[in-house]
Amino acid sequence: MIILAETPLDRAQAKRERIERELKKCPDFQLYLLAKSRQDLARMERLLMQIPTFRLWRTLANSIELWRTLANSA
């Protein structure tokens, strides 16, 4: 079933979800998702930033979070 994204936010979320499914195949990304401390997250991010798809996933995640923050404050 194909669901058409209606807004730029919908498209960004759909793309982020597709990328995340692919990244979940990577053990380092799994560790990133499990990391609890800021120190562990920062270390894993430095490692994963070498992967272009992770950089895109991170950019999309940050953009979506920013949009939600702005929408909730309006």
PDB file of N, CA and C in Angstrom:
ATOM      1  N   MET A   1       0.845  -1.170   0.000  1.00  0.00           N
ATOM      2  CA  MET A   1       0.000   0.000   0.000  1.00  0.00           C
ATOM      3  C   MET A   1       0.899   1.244   0.000  1.00  0.00           C
ATOM      4  N   ILE A   2       0.666   2.129  -0.905  1.00  0.00           N
ATOM      5  CA  ILE A   2       1.431   3.368  -0.998  1.00  0.00           C
ATOM      6  C   ILE A   2       0.582   4.501  -0.451  1.00  0.00           C
ATOM      7  N   ILE A   3       1.164   5.211   0.526  1.00  0.00           N
ATOM      8  CA  ILE A   3       0.479   6.361   1.102  1.00  0.00           C
ATOM      9  C   ILE A   3       1.212   7.609   0.621  1.00  0.00           C
ATOM     10  N   LEU A   4       0.489   8.507  -0.002  1.00  0.00           N
ATOM     11  CA  LEU A   4       1.098   9.730  -0.508  1.00  0.00           C
ATOM     12  C   LEU A   4       1.246  10.739   0.621  1.00  0.00           C
ATOM     13  N   ALA A   5       2.442  11.268   0.780  1.00  0.00           N
ATOM     14  CA  ALA A   5       2.668  12.305   1.778  1.00  0.00           C
ATOM     15  C   ALA A   5       2.072  13.606   1.269  1.00  0.00           C
ATOM     16  N   GLU A   6       1.375  14.302   2.137  1.00  0.00           N
ATOM     17  CA  GLU A   6       0.663  15.501   1.709  1.00  0.00           C
ATOM     18  C   GLU A   6       1.447  16.782   1.948  1.00  0.00           C
ATOM     19  N   THR A   7       2.265  16.826   2.959  1.00  0.00           N
ATOM     20  CA  THR A   7       2.984  18.051   3.290  1.00  0.00           C
ATOM     21  C   THR A   7       4.491  17.778   3.290  1.00  0.00           C
ATOM     22  N   PRO A   8       5.292  18.841   3.261  1.00  0.00           N
ATOM     23  CA  PRO A   8       6.742  18.635   3.365  1.00  0.00           C
ATOM     24  C   PRO A   8       7.120  17.900   4.658  1.00  0.00           C
ATOM     25  N   LEU A   9       6.406  18.180   5.742  1.00  0.00           N
ATOM     26  CA  LEU A   9       6.680  17.487   7.000  1.00  0.00           C
ATOM     27  C   LEU A   9       6.385  15.995   6.861  1.00  0.00           C
ATOM     28  N   ASP A  10       5.271  15.659   6.236  1.00  0.00           N
ATOM     29  CA  ASP A  10       4.931  14.244   6.010  1.00  0.00           C
ATOM     30  C   ASP A  10       6.015  13.552   5.189  1.00  0.00           C
ATOM     31  N   ARG A  11       6.483  14.229   4.153  1.00  0.00           N
ATOM     32  CA  ARG A  11       7.532  13.646   3.307  1.00  0.00           C
ATOM     33  C   ARG A  11       8.834  13.471   4.077  1.00  0.00           C
ATOM     34  N   ALA A  12       9.171  14.457   4.904  1.00  0.00           N
ATOM     35  CA  ALA A  12      10.395  14.367   5.705  1.00  0.00           C
ATOM     36  C   ALA A  12      10.303  13.215   6.697  1.00  0.00           C
ATOM     37  N   GLN A  13       9.147  13.061   7.334  1.00  0.00           N
ATOM     38  CA  GLN A  13       8.977  11.971   8.288  1.00  0.00           C
ATOM     39  C   GLN A  13       9.041  10.614   7.592  1.00  0.00           C
ATOM     40  N   ALA A  14       8.428  10.504   6.438  1.00  0.00           N
ATOM     41  CA  ALA A  14       8.451   9.243   5.694  1.00  0.00           C
ATOM     42  C   ALA A  14       9.881   8.898   5.264  1.00  0.00           C
ATOM     43  N   LYS A  15      10.608   9.886   4.797  1.00  0.00           N
ATOM     44  CA  LYS A  15      11.993   9.653   4.370  1.00  0.00           C
ATOM     45  C   LYS A  15      12.855   9.256   5.561  1.00  0.00           C
ATOM     46  N   ARG A  16      12.686   9.960   6.697  1.00  0.00           N
ATOM     47  CA  ARG A  16      13.443   9.625   7.904  1.00  0.00           C
ATOM     48  C   ARG A  16      13.157   8.185   8.332  1.00  0.00           C
ATOM     49  N   GLU A  17      11.911   7.769   8.278  1.00  0.00           N
ATOM     50  CA  GLU A  17      11.541   6.410   8.673  1.00  0.00           C
ATOM     51  C   GLU A  17      12.161   5.372   7.743  1.00  0.00           C
ATOM     52  N   ARG A  18      12.179   5.653   6.427  1.00  0.00           N
ATOM     53  CA  ARG A  18      12.810   4.720   5.475  1.00  0.00           C
ATOM     54  C   ARG A  18      14.307   4.596   5.760  1.00  0.00           C
ATOM     55  N   ILE A  19      14.947   5.735   5.982  1.00  0.00           N
ATOM     56  CA  ILE A  19      16.388   5.721   6.265  1.00  0.00           C
ATOM     57  C   ILE A  19      16.660   4.986   7.574  1.00  0.00           C
ATOM     58  N   GLU A  20      15.825   5.225   8.579  1.00  0.00           N
ATOM     59  CA  GLU A  20      16.013   4.575   9.875  1.00  0.00           C
ATOM     60  C   GLU A  20      15.905   3.056   9.763  1.00  0.00           C
ATOM     61  N   ARG A  21      14.976   2.577   8.954  1.00  0.00           N
ATOM     62  CA  ARG A  21      14.860   1.121   8.759  1.00  0.00           C
ATOM     63  C   ARG A  21      16.151   0.542   8.186  1.00  0.00           C
ATOM     64  N   GLU A  22      16.757   1.258   7.260  1.00  0.00           N
ATOM     65  CA  GLU A  22      18.026   0.802   6.685  1.00  0.00           C
ATOM     66  C   GLU A  22      19.157   0.889   7.703  1.00  0.00           C
ATOM     67  N   LEU A  23      19.203   1.990   8.445  1.00  0.00           N
ATOM     68  CA  LEU A  23      20.270   2.173   9.427  1.00  0.00           C
ATOM     69  C   LEU A  23      20.190   1.146  10.553  1.00  0.00           C
ATOM     70  N   LYS A  24      18.997   0.668  10.857  1.00  0.00           N
ATOM     71  CA  LYS A  24      18.842  -0.312  11.939  1.00  0.00           C
ATOM     72  C   LYS A  24      19.542  -1.623  11.632  1.00  0.00           C
ATOM     73  N   LYS A  25      19.945  -1.821  10.394  1.00  0.00           N
ATOM     74  CA  LYS A  25      20.711  -3.011  10.017  1.00  0.00           C
ATOM     75  C   LYS A  25      22.171  -2.888  10.457  1.00  0.00           C
ATOM     76  N   CYS A  26      22.574  -1.671  10.814  1.00  0.00           N
ATOM     77  CA  CYS A  26      23.951  -1.379  11.219  1.00  0.00           C
ATOM     78  C   CYS A  26      24.075  -1.517  12.741  1.00  0.00           C
ATOM     79  N   PRO A  27      24.976  -2.389  13.225  1.00  0.00           N
ATOM     80  CA  PRO A  27      25.136  -2.575  14.680  1.00  0.00           C
ATOM     81  C   PRO A  27      25.485  -1.275  15.415  1.00  0.00           C
ATOM     82  N   ASP A  28      26.274  -0.406  14.803  1.00  0.00           N
ATOM     83  CA  ASP A  28      26.638   0.854  15.452  1.00  0.00           C
ATOM     84  C   ASP A  28      25.415   1.751  15.644  1.00  0.00           C
ATOM     85  N   PHE A  29      24.501   1.725  14.687  1.00  0.00           N
ATOM     86  CA  PHE A  29      23.283   2.522  14.829  1.00  0.00           C
ATOM     87  C   PHE A  29      22.411   1.943  15.939  1.00  0.00           C
ATOM     88  N   GLN A  30      22.376   0.630  16.046  1.00  0.00           N
ATOM     89  CA  GLN A  30      21.629  -0.005  17.136  1.00  0.00           C
ATOM     90  C   GLN A  30      22.177   0.449  18.490  1.00  0.00           C
ATOM     91  N   LEU A  31      23.500   0.507  18.597  1.00  0.00           N
ATOM     92  CA  LEU A  31      24.115   0.979  19.841  1.00  0.00           C
ATOM     93  C   LEU A  31      23.765   2.441  20.106  1.00  0.00           C
ATOM     94  N   TYR A  32      23.738   3.240  19.046  1.00  0.00           N
ATOM     95  CA  TYR A  32      23.359   4.649  19.170  1.00  0.00           C
ATOM     96  C   TYR A  32      21.950   4.771  19.746  1.00  0.00           C
ATOM     97  N   LEU A  33      21.033   3.965  19.251  1.00  0.00           N
ATOM     98  CA  LEU A  33      19.657   4.018  19.736  1.00  0.00           C
ATOM     99  C   LEU A  33      19.544   3.581  21.196  1.00  0.00           C
ATOM    100  N   LEU A  34      20.441   2.714  21.623  1.00  0.00           N
ATOM    101  CA  LEU A  34      20.412   2.223  22.999  1.00  0.00           C
ATOM    102  C   LEU A  34      21.177   3.113  23.974  1.00  0.00           C
ATOM    103  N   ALA A  35      22.012   3.989  23.467  1.00  0.00           N
ATOM    104  CA  ALA A  35      22.851   4.837  24.323  1.00  0.00           C
ATOM    105  C   ALA A  35      21.978   5.712  25.219  1.00  0.00           C
ATOM    106  N   LYS A  36      22.370   5.811  26.463  1.00  0.00           N
ATOM    107  CA  LYS A  36      21.609   6.592  27.442  1.00  0.00           C
ATOM    108  C   LYS A  36      22.307   7.902  27.796  1.00  0.00           C
ATOM    109  N   SER A  37      23.599   7.855  27.999  1.00  0.00           N
ATOM    110  CA  SER A  37      24.303   9.055  28.456  1.00  0.00           C
ATOM    111  C   SER A  37      24.653   9.967  27.284  1.00  0.00           C
ATOM    112  N   ARG A  38      24.775  11.248  27.590  1.00  0.00           N
ATOM    113  CA  ARG A  38      25.167  12.226  26.561  1.00  0.00           C
ATOM    114  C   ARG A  38      26.538  11.876  25.993  1.00  0.00           C
ATOM    115  N   GLN A  39      27.412  11.402  26.852  1.00  0.00           N
ATOM    116  CA  GLN A  39      28.767  11.052  26.437  1.00  0.00           C
ATOM    117  C   GLN A  39      28.740   9.910  25.419  1.00  0.00           C
ATOM    118  N   ASP A  40      27.950   8.883  25.693  1.00  0.00           N
ATOM    119  CA  ASP A  40      27.835   7.756  24.757  1.00  0.00           C
ATOM    120  C   ASP A  40      27.202   8.196  23.441  1.00  0.00           C
ATOM    121  N   LEU A  41      26.156   9.026  23.526  1.00  0.00           N
ATOM    122  CA  LEU A  41      25.501   9.519  22.311  1.00  0.00           C
ATOM    123  C   LEU A  41      26.474  10.324  21.454  1.00  0.00           C
ATOM    124  N   ALA A  42      27.234  11.195  22.094  1.00  0.00           N
ATOM    125  CA  ALA A  42      28.184  12.025  21.356  1.00  0.00           C
ATOM    126  C   ALA A  42      29.258  11.161  20.687  1.00  0.00           C
ATOM    127  N   ARG A  43      29.739  10.156  21.393  1.00  0.00           N
ATOM    128  CA  ARG A  43      30.761   9.263  20.828  1.00  0.00           C
ATOM    129  C   ARG A  43      30.209   8.498  19.634  1.00  0.00           C
ATOM    130  N   MET A  44      29.000   7.989  19.767  1.00  0.00           N
ATOM    131  CA  MET A  44      28.389   7.233  18.671  1.00  0.00           C
ATOM    132  C   MET A  44      28.090   8.153  17.483  1.00  0.00           C
ATOM    133  N   GLU A  45      27.648   9.366  17.755  1.00  0.00           N
ATOM    134  CA  GLU A  45      27.374  10.310  16.664  1.00  0.00           C
ATOM    135  C   GLU A  45      28.636  10.612  15.870  1.00  0.00           C
ATOM    136  N   ARG A  46      29.741  10.827  16.580  1.00  0.00           N
ATOM    137  CA  ARG A  46      31.008  11.105  15.873  1.00  0.00           C
ATOM    138  C   ARG A  46      31.359   9.955  14.945  1.00  0.00           C
ATOM    139  N   LEU A  47      31.151   8.744  15.398  1.00  0.00           N
ATOM    140  CA  LEU A  47      31.432   7.564  14.587  1.00  0.00           C
ATOM    141  C   LEU A  47      30.472   7.475  13.394  1.00  0.00           C
ATOM    142  N   LEU A  48      29.193   7.669  13.662  1.00  0.00           N
ATOM    143  CA  LEU A  48      28.170   7.495  12.629  1.00  0.00           C
ATOM    144  C   LEU A  48      28.119   8.632  11.618  1.00  0.00           C
ATOM    145  N   MET A  49      28.619   9.815  11.978  1.00  0.00           N
ATOM    146  CA  MET A  49      28.592  10.944  11.043  1.00  0.00           C
ATOM    147  C   MET A  49      29.412  10.671   9.789  1.00  0.00           C
ATOM    148  N   GLN A  50      30.230   9.650   9.813  1.00  0.00           N
ATOM    149  CA  GLN A  50      31.002   9.265   8.630  1.00  0.00           C
ATOM    150  C   GLN A  50      30.114   8.593   7.590  1.00  0.00           C
ATOM    151  N   ILE A  51      28.920   8.189   7.988  1.00  0.00           N
ATOM    152  CA  ILE A  51      27.974   7.518   7.091  1.00  0.00           C
ATOM    153  C   ILE A  51      26.994   8.573   6.550  1.00  0.00           C
ATOM    154  N   PRO A  52      26.999   8.816   5.236  1.00  0.00           N
ATOM    155  CA  PRO A  52      26.119   9.861   4.670  1.00  0.00           C
ATOM    156  C   PRO A  52      24.640   9.672   5.001  1.00  0.00           C
ATOM    157  N   THR A  53      24.160   8.445   5.032  1.00  0.00           N
ATOM    158  CA  THR A  53      22.738   8.232   5.332  1.00  0.00           C
ATOM    159  C   THR A  53      22.418   8.592   6.772  1.00  0.00           C
ATOM    160  N   PHE A  54      23.379   8.391   7.679  1.00  0.00           N
ATOM    161  CA  PHE A  54      23.149   8.803   9.064  1.00  0.00           C
ATOM    162  C   PHE A  54      23.082  10.319   9.145  1.00  0.00           C
ATOM    163  N   ARG A  55      23.962  11.011   8.436  1.00  0.00           N
ATOM    164  CA  ARG A  55      23.928  12.480   8.435  1.00  0.00           C
ATOM    165  C   ARG A  55      22.574  12.981   7.943  1.00  0.00           C
ATOM    166  N   LEU A  56      22.045  12.368   6.889  1.00  0.00           N
ATOM    167  CA  LEU A  56      20.737  12.767   6.367  1.00  0.00           C
ATOM    168  C   LEU A  56      19.645  12.457   7.392  1.00  0.00           C
ATOM    169  N   TRP A  57      19.697  11.280   7.994  1.00  0.00           N
ATOM    170  CA  TRP A  57      18.713  10.896   9.010  1.00  0.00           C
ATOM    171  C   TRP A  57      18.733  11.895  10.158  1.00  0.00           C
ATOM    172  N   ARG A  58      19.921  12.256  10.606  1.00  0.00           N
ATOM    173  CA  ARG A  58      20.088  13.202  11.725  1.00  0.00           C
ATOM    174  C   ARG A  58      19.549  14.580  11.354  1.00  0.00           C
ATOM    175  N   THR A  59      19.835  15.033  10.139  1.00  0.00           N
ATOM    176  CA  THR A  59      19.336  16.328   9.675  1.00  0.00           C
ATOM    177  C   THR A  59      17.812  16.331   9.622  1.00  0.00           C
ATOM    178  N   LEU A  60      17.234  15.275   9.084  1.00  0.00           N
ATOM    179  CA  LEU A  60      15.774  15.176   9.027  1.00  0.00           C
ATOM    180  C   LEU A  60      15.173  15.131  10.428  1.00  0.00           C
ATOM    181  N   ALA A  61      15.771  14.352  11.325  1.00  0.00           N
ATOM    182  CA  ALA A  61      15.257  14.242  12.695  1.00  0.00           C
ATOM    183  C   ALA A  61      15.307  15.600  13.392  1.00  0.00           C
ATOM    184  N   ASN A  62      16.405  16.323  13.224  1.00  0.00           N
ATOM    185  CA  ASN A  62      16.529  17.651  13.840  1.00  0.00           C
ATOM    186  C   ASN A  62      15.515  18.625  13.255  1.00  0.00           C
ATOM    187  N   SER A  63      15.322  18.584  11.950  1.00  0.00           N
ATOM    188  CA  SER A  63      14.366  19.486  11.289  1.00  0.00           C
ATOM    189  C   SER A  63      12.939  19.202  11.743  1.00  0.00           C
ATOM    190  N   ILE A  64      12.602  17.941  11.849  1.00  0.00           N
ATOM    191  CA  ILE A  64      11.252  17.559  12.286  1.00  0.00           C
ATOM    192  C   ILE A  64      11.031  18.003  13.731  1.00  0.00           C
ATOM    193  N   GLU A  65      12.022  17.791  14.581  1.00  0.00           N
ATOM    194  CA  GLU A  65      11.905  18.207  15.980  1.00  0.00           C
ATOM    195  C   GLU A  65      11.780  19.724  16.097  1.00  0.00           C
ATOM    196  N   LEU A  66      12.546  20.455  15.313  1.00  0.00           N
ATOM    197  CA  LEU A  66      12.457  21.915  15.310  1.00  0.00           C
ATOM    198  C   LEU A  66      11.066  22.364  14.873  1.00  0.00           C
ATOM    199  N   TRP A  67      10.539  21.745  13.831  1.00  0.00           N
ATOM    200  CA  TRP A  67       9.212  22.106  13.349  1.00  0.00           C
ATOM    201  C   TRP A  67       8.162  21.859  14.453  1.00  0.00           C
ATOM    202  N   ARG A  68       8.273  20.699  15.121  1.00  0.00           N
ATOM    203  CA  ARG A  68       7.313  20.384  16.193  1.00  0.00           C
ATOM    204  C   ARG A  68       7.409  21.392  17.341  1.00  0.00           C
ATOM    205  N   THR A  69       8.634  21.765  17.699  1.00  0.00           N
ATOM    206  CA  THR A  69       8.830  22.737  18.766  1.00  0.00           C
ATOM    207  C   THR A  69       8.207  24.073  18.395  1.00  0.00           C
ATOM    208  N   LEU A  70       8.442  24.506  17.165  1.00  0.00           N
ATOM    209  CA  LEU A  70       7.881  25.778  16.707  1.00  0.00           C
ATOM    210  C   LEU A  70       6.362  25.718  16.630  1.00  0.00           C
ATOM    211  N   ALA A  71       5.829  24.594  16.160  1.00  0.00           N
ATOM    212  CA  ALA A  71       4.382  24.448  16.038  1.00  0.00           C
ATOM    213  C   ALA A  71       3.709  24.440  17.410  1.00  0.00           C
ATOM    214  N   ASN A  72       4.362  23.836  18.401  1.00  0.00           N
ATOM    215  CA  ASN A  72       3.784  23.779  19.744  1.00  0.00           C
ATOM    216  C   ASN A  72       3.864  25.109  20.473  1.00  0.00           C
ATOM    217  N   SER A  73       4.828  25.943  20.096  1.00  0.00           N
ATOM    218  CA  SER A  73       4.975  27.236  20.765  1.00  0.00           C
ATOM    219  C   SER A  73       4.095  28.319  20.138  1.00  0.00           C
ATOM    220  N   ALA A  74       3.512  28.001  18.995  1.00  0.00           N
ATOM    221  CA  ALA A  74       2.685  29.006  18.308  1.00  0.00           C
ATOM    222  C   ALA A  74       1.285  29.058  18.860  1.00  0.00           C
TER     223      ALA A  74
END
